[in-house]
N, C-alpha and C. Protein backbone atom coordinates (compact mmCIF):
# COMPACT_ATOMS: atom_id res chain seq x y z
N MET A 1 77.04 132.15 81.86
CA MET A 1 78.39 132.22 82.36
C MET A 1 79.34 131.88 81.23
N THR A 2 80.43 132.55 81.12
CA THR A 2 81.40 132.25 80.08
C THR A 2 82.24 131.06 80.49
N LYS A 3 82.95 130.51 79.52
CA LYS A 3 83.81 129.37 79.82
C LYS A 3 84.88 129.74 80.85
N LEU A 4 85.41 130.94 80.75
CA LEU A 4 86.43 131.38 81.70
C LEU A 4 85.84 131.45 83.10
N SER A 5 84.68 132.02 83.25
CA SER A 5 84.06 132.12 84.56
C SER A 5 83.71 130.75 85.13
N THR A 6 83.22 129.87 84.29
CA THR A 6 82.88 128.52 84.74
C THR A 6 84.14 127.80 85.20
N GLY A 7 85.22 127.95 84.47
CA GLY A 7 86.48 127.32 84.85
C GLY A 7 87.01 127.86 86.16
N MET A 8 86.87 129.17 86.36
CA MET A 8 87.33 129.77 87.60
C MET A 8 86.50 129.29 88.78
N VAL A 9 85.19 129.20 88.59
CA VAL A 9 84.31 128.73 89.65
C VAL A 9 84.63 127.27 89.97
N ARG A 10 84.85 126.48 88.94
CA ARG A 10 85.16 125.06 89.16
C ARG A 10 86.48 124.92 89.91
N ARG A 11 87.50 125.67 89.52
CA ARG A 11 88.79 125.62 90.19
C ARG A 11 88.66 126.04 91.65
N ALA A 12 87.89 127.08 91.91
CA ALA A 12 87.67 127.54 93.28
C ALA A 12 86.95 126.47 94.10
N ALA A 13 85.97 125.81 93.49
CA ALA A 13 85.23 124.76 94.19
C ALA A 13 86.14 123.59 94.53
N ILE A 14 87.00 123.20 93.60
CA ILE A 14 87.92 122.09 93.85
C ILE A 14 88.91 122.47 94.94
N THR A 15 89.44 123.68 94.87
CA THR A 15 90.38 124.14 95.89
C THR A 15 89.72 124.16 97.26
N THR A 16 88.49 124.66 97.32
CA THR A 16 87.76 124.70 98.58
C THR A 16 87.51 123.29 99.11
N ALA A 17 87.11 122.38 98.23
CA ALA A 17 86.87 120.99 98.65
C ALA A 17 88.14 120.37 99.21
N CYS A 18 89.25 120.66 98.57
CA CYS A 18 90.52 120.12 99.05
C CYS A 18 90.88 120.71 100.42
N ALA A 19 90.70 122.00 100.56
CA ALA A 19 91.01 122.65 101.84
C ALA A 19 90.11 122.12 102.95
N VAL A 20 88.83 121.94 102.64
CA VAL A 20 87.90 121.40 103.63
C VAL A 20 88.29 119.97 103.98
N SER A 21 88.70 119.21 102.98
CA SER A 21 89.13 117.83 103.24
C SER A 21 90.32 117.80 104.18
N PHE A 22 91.28 118.70 103.96
CA PHE A 22 92.43 118.76 104.84
C PHE A 22 92.04 119.18 106.25
N CYS A 23 91.07 120.07 106.35
CA CYS A 23 90.61 120.49 107.68
C CYS A 23 90.04 119.31 108.45
N ALA A 24 89.42 118.41 107.75
CA ALA A 24 88.75 117.30 108.40
C ALA A 24 89.55 116.00 108.34
N LEU A 25 90.74 116.07 107.77
CA LEU A 25 91.52 114.85 107.59
C LEU A 25 91.65 114.07 108.89
N SER A 26 91.36 112.81 108.79
CA SER A 26 91.57 112.00 109.98
C SER A 26 91.80 110.55 109.60
N THR A 27 92.89 110.04 110.03
CA THR A 27 93.15 108.62 110.00
C THR A 27 93.50 108.31 111.43
N ALA A 28 92.61 107.65 112.11
CA ALA A 28 92.76 107.43 113.55
C ALA A 28 92.87 108.78 114.24
N SER A 29 91.96 109.68 113.96
CA SER A 29 91.88 110.99 114.58
C SER A 29 93.02 111.91 114.19
N PHE A 30 93.62 111.72 113.05
CA PHE A 30 94.72 112.57 112.64
C PHE A 30 94.18 113.90 112.14
N ALA A 31 94.79 114.99 112.58
CA ALA A 31 94.39 116.32 112.14
C ALA A 31 95.65 117.07 111.70
N PHE A 32 95.64 117.58 110.49
CA PHE A 32 96.76 118.35 109.99
C PHE A 32 96.73 119.77 110.56
N SER A 33 97.89 120.33 110.76
CA SER A 33 97.99 121.71 111.22
C SER A 33 97.60 122.64 110.08
N ALA A 34 97.33 123.89 110.44
CA ALA A 34 97.00 124.90 109.43
C ALA A 34 98.17 125.06 108.46
N GLU A 35 99.39 124.95 108.97
CA GLU A 35 100.57 125.06 108.11
C GLU A 35 100.62 123.92 107.10
N ALA A 36 100.30 122.71 107.55
CA ALA A 36 100.29 121.56 106.64
C ALA A 36 99.21 121.73 105.58
N GLN A 37 98.06 122.23 105.99
CA GLN A 37 96.98 122.47 105.02
C GLN A 37 97.45 123.44 103.96
N GLN A 38 98.12 124.50 104.38
CA GLN A 38 98.59 125.51 103.43
C GLN A 38 99.69 124.94 102.53
N MET A 39 100.63 124.22 103.10
CA MET A 39 101.77 123.72 102.34
C MET A 39 101.42 122.54 101.43
N CYS A 40 100.36 121.79 101.78
CA CYS A 40 100.09 120.53 101.08
C CYS A 40 98.88 120.55 100.16
N THR A 41 98.11 121.62 100.14
CA THR A 41 96.91 121.63 99.30
C THR A 41 97.24 121.37 97.84
N GLY A 42 98.26 122.01 97.32
CA GLY A 42 98.65 121.79 95.92
C GLY A 42 99.06 120.35 95.66
N ASP A 43 99.83 119.78 96.58
CA ASP A 43 100.26 118.38 96.44
C ASP A 43 99.06 117.44 96.50
N ALA A 44 98.14 117.72 97.40
CA ALA A 44 96.95 116.87 97.51
C ALA A 44 96.14 116.90 96.22
N MET A 45 95.99 118.07 95.65
CA MET A 45 95.24 118.18 94.40
C MET A 45 95.98 117.46 93.27
N ARG A 46 97.29 117.62 93.23
CA ARG A 46 98.10 117.05 92.15
C ARG A 46 98.21 115.53 92.27
N LEU A 47 98.46 115.05 93.47
CA LEU A 47 98.75 113.63 93.65
C LEU A 47 97.54 112.78 94.06
N CYS A 48 96.60 113.41 94.75
CA CYS A 48 95.50 112.63 95.35
C CYS A 48 94.13 113.20 95.01
N GLY A 49 94.04 114.00 93.96
CA GLY A 49 92.78 114.63 93.58
C GLY A 49 91.65 113.65 93.34
N SER A 50 91.99 112.46 92.88
CA SER A 50 90.95 111.46 92.62
C SER A 50 90.31 110.94 93.90
N GLU A 51 90.94 111.18 95.05
CA GLU A 51 90.43 110.70 96.33
C GLU A 51 89.50 111.70 97.01
N ILE A 52 89.48 112.95 96.52
CA ILE A 52 88.63 113.98 97.11
C ILE A 52 87.18 113.61 96.86
N PRO A 53 86.31 113.63 97.82
CA PRO A 53 86.38 114.20 99.17
C PRO A 53 86.60 113.16 100.28
N ASN A 54 87.02 111.94 99.97
CA ASN A 54 87.19 110.89 100.98
C ASN A 54 88.43 111.19 101.82
N VAL A 55 88.20 111.66 103.03
CA VAL A 55 89.25 112.17 103.90
C VAL A 55 90.29 111.10 104.23
N SER A 56 89.87 109.93 104.60
CA SER A 56 90.84 108.90 104.97
C SER A 56 91.67 108.45 103.77
N LYS A 57 91.06 108.42 102.59
CA LYS A 57 91.80 108.04 101.39
C LYS A 57 92.81 109.12 101.00
N ILE A 58 92.47 110.39 101.20
CA ILE A 58 93.42 111.47 100.92
C ILE A 58 94.63 111.33 101.84
N THR A 59 94.38 111.08 103.12
CA THR A 59 95.46 110.93 104.08
C THR A 59 96.36 109.76 103.69
N THR A 60 95.76 108.63 103.38
CA THR A 60 96.51 107.45 102.98
C THR A 60 97.32 107.73 101.72
N CYS A 61 96.71 108.39 100.77
CA CYS A 61 97.39 108.74 99.52
C CYS A 61 98.58 109.65 99.77
N MET A 62 98.40 110.66 100.60
CA MET A 62 99.49 111.60 100.89
C MET A 62 100.67 110.87 101.55
N ILE A 63 100.38 109.96 102.44
CA ILE A 63 101.45 109.20 103.09
C ILE A 63 102.12 108.28 102.07
N ARG A 64 101.33 107.64 101.23
CA ARG A 64 101.86 106.74 100.20
C ARG A 64 102.71 107.51 99.18
N GLN A 65 102.31 108.74 98.88
CA GLN A 65 103.01 109.56 97.88
C GLN A 65 104.10 110.45 98.50
N ARG A 66 104.51 110.14 99.73
CA ARG A 66 105.44 110.98 100.48
C ARG A 66 106.66 111.41 99.65
N THR A 67 107.25 110.50 98.90
CA THR A 67 108.45 110.83 98.13
C THR A 67 108.17 111.81 97.00
N SER A 68 106.93 111.95 96.59
CA SER A 68 106.56 112.87 95.51
C SER A 68 106.08 114.22 96.03
N LEU A 69 105.98 114.38 97.35
CA LEU A 69 105.49 115.64 97.93
C LEU A 69 106.55 116.72 97.78
N SER A 70 106.10 117.96 97.74
CA SER A 70 107.04 119.07 97.76
C SER A 70 107.78 119.03 99.09
N SER A 71 108.96 119.62 99.14
CA SER A 71 109.77 119.54 100.36
C SER A 71 109.06 120.19 101.54
N GLY A 72 108.39 121.31 101.32
CA GLY A 72 107.67 121.99 102.42
C GLY A 72 106.55 121.14 102.96
N CYS A 73 105.78 120.53 102.08
CA CYS A 73 104.68 119.67 102.50
C CYS A 73 105.22 118.46 103.24
N ARG A 74 106.27 117.83 102.71
CA ARG A 74 106.84 116.65 103.35
C ARG A 74 107.33 116.97 104.77
N THR A 75 107.95 118.13 104.93
CA THR A 75 108.48 118.53 106.24
C THR A 75 107.36 118.67 107.26
N VAL A 76 106.30 119.42 106.91
CA VAL A 76 105.23 119.63 107.89
C VAL A 76 104.39 118.37 108.08
N LEU A 77 104.23 117.58 107.03
CA LEU A 77 103.49 116.32 107.16
C LEU A 77 104.21 115.38 108.12
N ASP A 78 105.53 115.25 107.94
CA ASP A 78 106.31 114.39 108.83
C ASP A 78 106.24 114.89 110.27
N ARG A 79 106.35 116.19 110.45
CA ARG A 79 106.29 116.77 111.80
C ARG A 79 104.93 116.52 112.43
N ASP A 80 103.85 116.73 111.67
CA ASP A 80 102.50 116.53 112.21
C ASP A 80 102.24 115.05 112.52
N LEU A 81 102.71 114.16 111.65
CA LEU A 81 102.53 112.73 111.90
C LEU A 81 103.29 112.31 113.16
N ALA A 82 104.52 112.80 113.32
CA ALA A 82 105.31 112.47 114.52
C ALA A 82 104.63 113.00 115.78
N ALA A 83 104.13 114.23 115.73
CA ALA A 83 103.45 114.81 116.88
C ALA A 83 102.19 114.03 117.22
N GLN A 84 101.45 113.62 116.21
CA GLN A 84 100.23 112.85 116.43
C GLN A 84 100.55 111.50 117.06
N GLN A 85 101.59 110.84 116.58
CA GLN A 85 101.98 109.55 117.15
C GLN A 85 102.45 109.72 118.59
N GLY A 86 103.18 110.80 118.86
CA GLY A 86 103.62 111.09 120.22
C GLY A 86 102.46 111.33 121.15
N ALA A 87 101.43 112.00 120.66
CA ALA A 87 100.24 112.27 121.48
C ALA A 87 99.50 110.97 121.78
N ARG A 88 99.46 110.05 120.82
CA ARG A 88 98.79 108.76 121.06
C ARG A 88 99.54 107.94 122.10
N VAL A 89 100.88 107.97 122.06
CA VAL A 89 101.68 107.23 123.03
C VAL A 89 101.47 107.84 124.42
N ALA A 90 101.46 109.17 124.52
CA ALA A 90 101.28 109.84 125.80
C ALA A 90 99.91 109.57 126.40
N ALA A 91 98.90 109.37 125.53
CA ALA A 91 97.54 109.13 126.00
C ALA A 91 97.37 107.73 126.58
N LYS A 92 98.25 106.83 126.24
CA LYS A 92 98.14 105.44 126.72
C LYS A 92 98.62 105.29 128.10
């Protein structure tokens, strides 16, 4: 395999791992929407790549890094977090 091909395979593997991590993200059963996964994958890789594949640490990192998130990611993350908290209150 050439260096270019190896780099492309590695990048694809990292991207896939990040996407899978977002699919399974849970902090107290938290699940991101498909839109959040799409909008935040780049931010997760950039800001929280060292936490992959630990799902709860990625979630914690994304919340901690909220001010550094892209505007689109921040918007959907805030919306999903609010919806999740509302669902927990309704379940009680």
